[in-house]
């Protein structure tokens, strides 16, 4: 997928990839489904940095390893993780 730019030329800002927004929404929905109203509490209970977990929920770019660690914390498979919210 090609990056979208708000303006052309030097210093152009790149818009976030829409899949990152979907990724963040999926992470949040799984946290809520697990019974956590607070991302901070989920992060602390699963050994994640609160700041890093907050980035995941807001759709910041993640490494594949981070995604796998998060999926393991939700106790689901990679296939289950990507089965909703990415169409």
C-alpha atoms as a PDB file:
ATOM      1  CA  UNK A   1       0.000   0.000   0.000  1.00  0.00           C
ATOM      2  CA  UNK A   2       1.364   3.386  -0.992  1.00  0.00           C
ATOM      3  CA  UNK A   3       1.816   6.042   1.704  1.00  0.00           C
ATOM      4  CA  UNK A   4      -0.503   8.989   1.437  1.00  0.00           C
ATOM      5  CA  UNK A   5       0.891  12.485   1.764  1.00  0.00           C
ATOM      6  CA  UNK A   6      -1.005  15.550   2.939  1.00  0.00           C
ATOM      7  CA  UNK A   7       1.110  17.821   0.770  1.00  0.00           C
ATOM      8  CA  UNK A   8       3.816  17.465  -1.822  1.00  0.00           C
ATOM      9  CA  UNK A   9       7.404  18.523  -1.490  1.00  0.00           C
ATOM     10  CA  UNK A  10      10.003  18.691   1.208  1.00  0.00           C
ATOM     11  CA  UNK A  11       8.671  18.186   4.730  1.00  0.00           C
ATOM     12  CA  UNK A  12       5.431  16.557   3.589  1.00  0.00           C
ATOM     13  CA  UNK A  13       3.604  14.769   6.401  1.00  0.00           C
ATOM     14  CA  UNK A  14       2.662  11.161   5.805  1.00  0.00           C
ATOM     15  CA  UNK A  15      -0.809  10.073   6.871  1.00  0.00           C
ATOM     16  CA  UNK A  16      -0.986   6.957   9.019  1.00  0.00           C
ATOM     17  CA  UNK A  17      -1.569   3.677   7.269  1.00  0.00           C
ATOM     18  CA  UNK A  18      -5.260   2.722   7.694  1.00  0.00           C
ATOM     19  CA  UNK A  19      -4.247  -0.790   8.738  1.00  0.00           C
ATOM     20  CA  UNK A  20      -2.432   0.629  11.771  1.00  0.00           C
ATOM     21  CA  UNK A  21      -5.662   2.288  12.890  1.00  0.00           C
ATOM     22  CA  UNK A  22      -7.465  -1.042  12.445  1.00  0.00           C
ATOM     23  CA  UNK A  23      -4.692  -2.794  14.382  1.00  0.00           C
ATOM     24  CA  UNK A  24      -5.098  -0.391  17.293  1.00  0.00           C
ATOM     25  CA  UNK A  25      -8.864  -0.833  17.301  1.00  0.00           C
ATOM     26  CA  UNK A  26      -8.470  -4.623  17.304  1.00  0.00           C
ATOM     27  CA  UNK A  27      -6.042  -4.487  20.237  1.00  0.00           C
ATOM     28  CA  UNK A  28      -8.432  -2.312  22.222  1.00  0.00           C
ATOM     29  CA  UNK A  29     -11.447  -4.504  21.457  1.00  0.00           C
ATOM     30  CA  UNK A  30      -9.587  -7.625  22.600  1.00  0.00           C
ATOM     31  CA  UNK A  31      -8.530  -5.908  25.821  1.00  0.00           C
ATOM     32  CA  UNK A  32     -12.112  -4.922  26.578  1.00  0.00           C
ATOM     33  CA  UNK A  33     -13.299  -8.448  25.688  1.00  0.00           C
ATOM     34  CA  UNK A  34     -10.805  -9.772  28.280  1.00  0.00           C
ATOM     35  CA  UNK A  35     -12.587  -7.627  30.885  1.00  0.00           C
ATOM     36  CA  UNK A  36     -10.048  -4.812  31.191  1.00  0.00           C
ATOM     37  CA  UNK A  37     -11.484  -1.312  31.167  1.00  0.00           C
ATOM     38  CA  UNK A  38      -7.963   0.118  31.463  1.00  0.00           C
ATOM     39  CA  UNK A  39      -5.155  -0.361  28.985  1.00  0.00           C
ATOM     40  CA  UNK A  40      -2.745   0.533  31.762  1.00  0.00           C
ATOM     41  CA  UNK A  41      -3.996  -2.325  33.957  1.00  0.00           C
ATOM     42  CA  UNK A  42      -3.809  -4.811  31.070  1.00  0.00           C
ATOM     43  CA  UNK A  43      -0.255  -3.695  30.285  1.00  0.00           C
ATOM     44  CA  UNK A  44       0.896  -4.024  33.881  1.00  0.00           C
ATOM     45  CA  UNK A  45      -0.785  -7.418  34.338  1.00  0.00           C
ATOM     46  CA  UNK A  46       0.956  -8.772  31.231  1.00  0.00           C
ATOM     47  CA  UNK A  47       4.403  -7.248  31.689  1.00  0.00           C
ATOM     48  CA  UNK A  48       4.155  -4.590  28.992  1.00  0.00           C
ATOM     49  CA  UNK A  49       5.252  -0.992  29.346  1.00  0.00           C
ATOM     50  CA  UNK A  50       2.172   1.229  29.803  1.00  0.00           C
ATOM     51  CA  UNK A  51       3.559   3.651  27.236  1.00  0.00           C
ATOM     52  CA  UNK A  52       4.269   0.948  24.669  1.00  0.00           C
ATOM     53  CA  UNK A  53       0.852  -0.636  25.138  1.00  0.00           C
ATOM     54  CA  UNK A  54      -0.759   2.786  24.723  1.00  0.00           C
ATOM     55  CA  UNK A  55       1.034   3.141  21.392  1.00  0.00           C
ATOM     56  CA  UNK A  56      -0.329  -0.215  20.276  1.00  0.00           C
ATOM     57  CA  UNK A  57      -3.912   0.833  21.028  1.00  0.00           C
ATOM     58  CA  UNK A  58      -3.515   4.109  19.191  1.00  0.00           C
ATOM     59  CA  UNK A  59      -2.257   2.335  16.081  1.00  0.00           C
ATOM     60  CA  UNK A  60       1.400   3.216  16.164  1.00  0.00           C
ATOM     61  CA  UNK A  61       3.634   1.047  14.014  1.00  0.00           C
ATOM     62  CA  UNK A  62       4.519  -2.269  15.655  1.00  0.00           C
ATOM     63  CA  UNK A  63       7.125  -4.896  15.069  1.00  0.00           C
ATOM     64  CA  UNK A  64       5.925  -8.393  14.273  1.00  0.00           C
ATOM     65  CA  UNK A  65       7.489  -9.635  17.512  1.00  0.00           C
ATOM     66  CA  UNK A  66       5.443  -7.077  19.482  1.00  0.00           C
ATOM     67  CA  UNK A  67       2.283  -8.249  17.751  1.00  0.00           C
ATOM     68  CA  UNK A  68       3.071 -11.883  18.584  1.00  0.00           C
ATOM     69  CA  UNK A  69       3.758 -11.038  22.254  1.00  0.00           C
ATOM     70  CA  UNK A  70       0.478  -9.153  22.438  1.00  0.00           C
ATOM     71  CA  UNK A  71      -1.442 -11.992  20.764  1.00  0.00           C
ATOM     72  CA  UNK A  72       0.008 -14.416  23.317  1.00  0.00           C
ATOM     73  CA  UNK A  73      -1.179 -12.123  26.129  1.00  0.00           C
ATOM     74  CA  UNK A  74      -4.696 -12.265  24.679  1.00  0.00           C
ATOM     75  CA  UNK A  75      -4.355 -16.076  24.587  1.00  0.00           C
ATOM     76  CA  UNK A  76      -5.455 -16.341  20.959  1.00  0.00           C
ATOM     77  CA  UNK A  77      -3.810 -17.418  17.714  1.00  0.00           C
ATOM     78  CA  UNK A  78      -2.392 -15.153  15.036  1.00  0.00           C
ATOM     79  CA  UNK A  79      -5.212 -16.323  12.760  1.00  0.00           C
ATOM     80  CA  UNK A  80      -7.828 -15.388  15.385  1.00  0.00           C
ATOM     81  CA  UNK A  81      -6.231 -11.985  15.915  1.00  0.00           C
ATOM     82  CA  UNK A  82      -6.428 -11.065  12.239  1.00  0.00           C
ATOM     83  CA  UNK A  83      -9.837 -12.688  11.680  1.00  0.00           C
ATOM     84  CA  UNK A  84     -11.749  -9.526  12.633  1.00  0.00           C
ATOM     85  CA  UNK A  85     -11.412  -5.854  11.839  1.00  0.00           C
ATOM     86  CA  UNK A  86      -9.105  -6.005   8.830  1.00  0.00           C
ATOM     87  CA  UNK A  87     -11.523  -6.347   5.919  1.00  0.00           C
END
